[in-house]
Amino acid sequence: LIECFNKRFKAWYKTKQGFSSFNSANNLIAVFLFFYNFVRPHSALNSLTPAQVAGLNLSARSKHKLLFVA
């Protein structure tokens, strides 16, 4: 399970320009964790996101912004 997470994070991180500071690294990791846990579809939820199950519908633009926050 952790290898799957690491693979996904590594692929996502490769598009970034690196960390400029420790705070920058923490912020970027926090955004990724939020996306991974709440915004991406989960197979156990019939391909819905946890946010959708909770009644929060994010627009495609909002999801895109979360992916590219630096």
C-alpha atoms as a PDB file:
ATOM      1  CA  LEU A   1       0.000   0.000   0.000  1.00  0.00           C
ATOM      2  CA  ILE A   2       2.752   2.468   0.912  1.00  0.00           C
ATOM      3  CA  GLU A   3       4.644   1.641  -2.299  1.00  0.00           C
ATOM      4  CA  CYS A   4       1.566   2.564  -4.323  1.00  0.00           C
ATOM      5  CA  PHE A   5       1.317   5.877  -2.449  1.00  0.00           C
ATOM      6  CA  ASN A   6       5.043   6.579  -2.898  1.00  0.00           C
ATOM      7  CA  LYS A   7       4.840   5.827  -6.618  1.00  0.00           C
ATOM      8  CA  ARG A   8       1.904   8.201  -7.047  1.00  0.00           C
ATOM      9  CA  PHE A   9       3.606  10.953  -4.996  1.00  0.00           C
ATOM     10  CA  LYS A  10       6.883  10.548  -6.881  1.00  0.00           C
ATOM     11  CA  ALA A  11       5.129  10.845 -10.258  1.00  0.00           C
ATOM     12  CA  TRP A  12       3.271  13.954  -9.058  1.00  0.00           C
ATOM     13  CA  TYR A  13       6.388  15.519  -7.513  1.00  0.00           C
ATOM     14  CA  LYS A  14       8.459  15.106 -10.699  1.00  0.00           C
ATOM     15  CA  THR A  15       6.395  17.870 -12.330  1.00  0.00           C
ATOM     16  CA  LYS A  16       7.455  20.332  -9.611  1.00  0.00           C
ATOM     17  CA  GLN A  17      10.639  22.394  -9.599  1.00  0.00           C
ATOM     18  CA  GLY A  18      11.766  21.179  -6.197  1.00  0.00           C
ATOM     19  CA  PHE A  19      11.408  22.617  -2.748  1.00  0.00           C
ATOM     20  CA  SER A  20      12.704  26.102  -2.022  1.00  0.00           C
ATOM     21  CA  SER A  21      12.464  25.676   1.753  1.00  0.00           C
ATOM     22  CA  PHE A  22      11.347  23.311   4.487  1.00  0.00           C
ATOM     23  CA  ASN A  23       8.018  25.165   4.752  1.00  0.00           C
ATOM     24  CA  SER A  24       7.557  24.895   1.005  1.00  0.00           C
ATOM     25  CA  ALA A  25       8.098  21.132   1.226  1.00  0.00           C
ATOM     26  CA  ASN A  26       5.602  20.786   4.072  1.00  0.00           C
ATOM     27  CA  ASN A  27       2.986  22.837   2.222  1.00  0.00           C
ATOM     28  CA  LEU A  28       3.396  20.883  -1.004  1.00  0.00           C
ATOM     29  CA  ILE A  29       3.147  17.553   0.803  1.00  0.00           C
ATOM     30  CA  ALA A  30       0.050  18.740   2.691  1.00  0.00           C
ATOM     31  CA  VAL A  31      -1.648  19.706  -0.592  1.00  0.00           C
ATOM     32  CA  PHE A  32      -0.818  16.322  -2.101  1.00  0.00           C
ATOM     33  CA  LEU A  33      -2.145  14.465   0.953  1.00  0.00           C
ATOM     34  CA  PHE A  34      -5.364  16.483   0.855  1.00  0.00           C
ATOM     35  CA  PHE A  35      -5.809  15.711  -2.834  1.00  0.00           C
ATOM     36  CA  TYR A  36      -4.930  12.026  -2.412  1.00  0.00           C
ATOM     37  CA  ASN A  37      -7.288  11.501   0.521  1.00  0.00           C
ATOM     38  CA  PHE A  38     -10.258  13.740  -0.323  1.00  0.00           C
ATOM     39  CA  VAL A  39     -10.313  14.858  -3.966  1.00  0.00           C
ATOM     40  CA  ARG A  40      -9.270  11.875  -6.075  1.00  0.00           C
ATOM     41  CA  PRO A  41     -11.842   9.173  -6.820  1.00  0.00           C
ATOM     42  CA  HIS A  42     -11.722   6.042  -4.635  1.00  0.00           C
ATOM     43  CA  SER A  43     -12.696   2.620  -5.917  1.00  0.00           C
ATOM     44  CA  ALA A  44     -14.262   1.727  -2.555  1.00  0.00           C
ATOM     45  CA  LEU A  45     -16.656   4.667  -3.038  1.00  0.00           C
ATOM     46  CA  ASN A  46     -17.795   3.617  -6.535  1.00  0.00           C
ATOM     47  CA  SER A  47     -15.290   6.030  -8.135  1.00  0.00           C
ATOM     48  CA  LEU A  48     -16.639   8.967  -6.168  1.00  0.00           C
ATOM     49  CA  THR A  49     -14.393  11.240  -4.182  1.00  0.00           C
ATOM     50  CA  PRO A  50     -14.747  11.393  -0.398  1.00  0.00           C
ATOM     51  CA  ALA A  51     -15.674  15.054  -0.873  1.00  0.00           C
ATOM     52  CA  GLN A  52     -18.580  14.059  -3.131  1.00  0.00           C
ATOM     53  CA  VAL A  53     -19.757  11.427  -0.658  1.00  0.00           C
ATOM     54  CA  ALA A  54     -19.729  14.128   2.031  1.00  0.00           C
ATOM     55  CA  GLY A  55     -21.815  16.409  -0.231  1.00  0.00           C
ATOM     56  CA  LEU A  56     -19.061  18.756  -1.434  1.00  0.00           C
ATOM     57  CA  ASN A  57     -18.789  18.960  -5.201  1.00  0.00           C
ATOM     58  CA  LEU A  58     -15.542  20.482  -6.416  1.00  0.00           C
ATOM     59  CA  SER A  59     -15.390  21.859  -9.923  1.00  0.00           C
ATOM     60  CA  ALA A  60     -12.795  20.520 -12.346  1.00  0.00           C
ATOM     61  CA  ARG A  61     -11.053  23.891 -12.094  1.00  0.00           C
ATOM     62  CA  SER A  62     -10.811  23.610  -8.298  1.00  0.00           C
ATOM     63  CA  LYS A  63      -9.345  20.117  -8.592  1.00  0.00           C
ATOM     64  CA  HIS A  64      -6.851  21.339 -11.177  1.00  0.00           C
ATOM     65  CA  LYS A  65      -5.768  24.193  -8.885  1.00  0.00           C
ATOM     66  CA  LEU A  66      -5.091  21.734  -6.061  1.00  0.00           C
ATOM     67  CA  LEU A  67      -2.856  19.671  -8.296  1.00  0.00           C
ATOM     68  CA  PHE A  68      -0.690  22.594  -9.340  1.00  0.00           C
ATOM     69  CA  VAL A  69      -0.312  24.559  -6.112  1.00  0.00           C
ATOM     70  CA  ALA A  70       3.359  25.058  -5.454  1.00  0.00           C
END
